[in-house]
Amino acid sequence: MYMPETAEMIPAKTEEKINTLLDEIRDTVREVRDEVRDTVHEAQHTLHEVRDTVHEAQHTLHEVRDTVHEAQHTLHEARGLIKLLKPALFITMVFFLLPPGFGLWVFQNARNVYL
């Protein structure tokens, strides 16, 4: 670094070399500072993207949970309906297995019995 009190002791060529080296150091420091600033900016941008992605994933997870809950509720209702419909399904199957017209005969006779 240039020092006024010792300037007369440093040859001009050496002073020029020192100043050139100092300029190169300053340029290198600026370049490194700019690269660090750019890297930090990119890292911040990436962090924001990651946060957005995590937020979207959380939202999707909530939607999936709601859908699963609705499906469980629907399954529970379906099981209840199956329990109610089992006797009717059994009777219907029996009538399909019997000879044609037998069901009509049963209904006609049942009506006659109750009338």
Protein backbone atom coordinates (compact mmCIF):
# COMPACT_ATOMS: atom_id res chain seq x y z
CA MET A 1 0.00 0.00 0.00
CA TYR A 2 1.25 3.44 -0.79
CA MET A 3 2.62 5.22 2.25
CA PRO A 4 3.65 8.86 1.79
CA GLU A 5 6.43 8.87 4.37
CA THR A 6 8.16 5.89 2.73
CA ALA A 7 7.38 6.80 -0.88
CA GLU A 8 10.84 8.09 -1.55
CA MET A 9 12.30 4.77 -0.40
CA ILE A 10 10.25 2.57 -2.82
CA PRO A 11 11.41 2.52 -6.43
CA ALA A 12 8.78 3.61 -8.98
CA LYS A 13 8.74 0.23 -10.72
CA THR A 14 8.11 -1.59 -7.42
CA GLU A 15 5.39 0.92 -6.49
CA GLU A 16 3.73 0.29 -9.85
CA LYS A 17 3.83 -3.48 -9.26
CA ILE A 18 2.38 -3.03 -5.78
CA ASN A 19 -0.44 -0.85 -7.11
CA THR A 20 -1.15 -3.38 -9.88
CA LEU A 21 -1.34 -6.19 -7.33
CA LEU A 22 -3.61 -4.09 -5.10
CA ASP A 23 -5.91 -3.41 -8.08
CA GLU A 24 -6.01 -7.13 -8.89
CA ILE A 25 -6.84 -7.94 -5.26
CA ARG A 26 -9.63 -5.34 -5.26
CA ASP A 27 -11.02 -6.75 -8.52
CA THR A 28 -10.87 -10.29 -7.14
CA VAL A 29 -12.61 -9.20 -3.94
CA ARG A 30 -15.36 -7.50 -6.01
CA GLU A 31 -15.80 -10.59 -8.17
CA VAL A 32 -15.99 -12.87 -5.16
CA ARG A 33 -18.41 -10.50 -3.42
CA ASP A 34 -20.61 -10.40 -6.53
CA GLU A 35 -20.54 -14.19 -6.83
CA VAL A 36 -21.42 -14.60 -3.17
CA ARG A 37 -24.26 -12.08 -3.53
CA ASP A 38 -25.58 -13.93 -6.60
CA THR A 39 -25.29 -17.29 -4.85
CA VAL A 40 -27.15 -15.98 -1.80
CA HIS A 41 -29.84 -14.52 -4.05
CA GLU A 42 -30.23 -17.85 -5.87
CA ALA A 43 -30.34 -19.70 -2.54
CA GLN A 44 -33.08 -17.36 -1.30
CA HIS A 45 -35.04 -17.90 -4.51
CA THR A 46 -34.65 -21.67 -4.17
CA LEU A 47 -35.74 -21.47 -0.54
CA HIS A 48 -38.90 -19.61 -1.56
CA GLU A 49 -39.63 -22.27 -4.19
CA VAL A 50 -39.12 -25.01 -1.61
CA ARG A 51 -41.45 -23.23 0.82
CA ASP A 52 -44.09 -22.90 -1.89
CA THR A 53 -43.73 -26.58 -2.77
CA VAL A 54 -44.03 -27.62 0.87
CA HIS A 55 -47.12 -25.40 1.25
CA GLU A 56 -48.69 -27.01 -1.83
CA ALA A 57 -47.84 -30.47 -0.51
CA GLN A 58 -49.45 -29.66 2.83
CA HIS A 59 -52.56 -28.41 1.05
CA THR A 60 -52.69 -31.58 -1.06
CA LEU A 61 -52.23 -33.71 2.06
CA HIS A 62 -55.19 -31.97 3.70
CA GLU A 63 -57.29 -32.62 0.59
CA VAL A 64 -56.25 -36.29 0.59
CA ARG A 65 -57.13 -36.60 4.28
CA ASP A 66 -60.54 -35.04 3.63
CA THR A 67 -61.12 -37.42 0.71
CA VAL A 68 -60.12 -40.44 2.80
CA HIS A 69 -62.42 -39.30 5.59
CA GLU A 70 -65.31 -38.94 3.12
CA ALA A 71 -64.55 -42.38 1.67
CA GLN A 72 -64.56 -43.91 5.15
CA HIS A 73 -67.90 -42.25 5.87
CA THR A 74 -69.33 -43.53 2.57
CA LEU A 75 -68.03 -47.03 3.28
CA HIS A 76 -69.67 -46.97 6.70
CA GLU A 77 -72.97 -45.90 5.13
CA ALA A 78 -72.65 -48.61 2.46
CA ARG A 79 -72.07 -51.28 5.11
CA GLY A 80 -75.21 -50.10 6.91
CA LEU A 81 -77.23 -50.31 3.71
CA ILE A 82 -75.89 -53.78 2.96
CA LYS A 83 -77.02 -54.93 6.43
CA LEU A 84 -80.48 -53.55 5.73
CA LEU A 85 -80.70 -55.01 2.23
CA LYS A 86 -79.38 -58.52 2.98
CA PRO A 87 -82.83 -60.00 3.75
CA ALA A 88 -84.37 -58.42 0.67
CA LEU A 89 -81.50 -59.62 -1.51
CA PHE A 90 -81.87 -63.12 -0.12
CA ILE A 91 -85.60 -63.19 -0.83
CA THR A 92 -85.01 -61.85 -4.34
CA MET A 93 -82.38 -64.51 -5.01
CA VAL A 94 -84.74 -67.23 -3.77
CA PHE A 95 -87.51 -66.04 -6.12
CA PHE A 96 -85.07 -66.04 -9.06
CA LEU A 97 -84.02 -69.59 -8.27
CA LEU A 98 -87.61 -70.87 -8.06
CA PRO A 99 -89.56 -71.87 -11.18
CA PRO A 100 -91.13 -69.05 -13.23
CA GLY A 101 -94.48 -67.93 -11.91
CA PHE A 102 -93.91 -69.33 -8.44
CA GLY A 103 -93.28 -65.90 -6.97
CA LEU A 104 -96.50 -64.58 -8.46
CA TRP A 105 -98.36 -67.61 -7.07
CA VAL A 106 -96.89 -66.96 -3.59
CA PHE A 107 -97.88 -63.29 -3.69
CA GLN A 108 -101.41 -64.09 -4.89
CA ASN A 109 -101.90 -66.71 -2.22
CA ALA A 110 -100.38 -64.50 0.46
CA ARG A 111 -102.80 -61.75 -0.52
CA ASN A 112 -105.71 -64.19 -0.33
CA VAL A 113 -104.59 -65.35 3.09
CA TYR A 114 -104.44 -61.85 4.52
CA LEU A 115 -107.67 -60.66 2.89
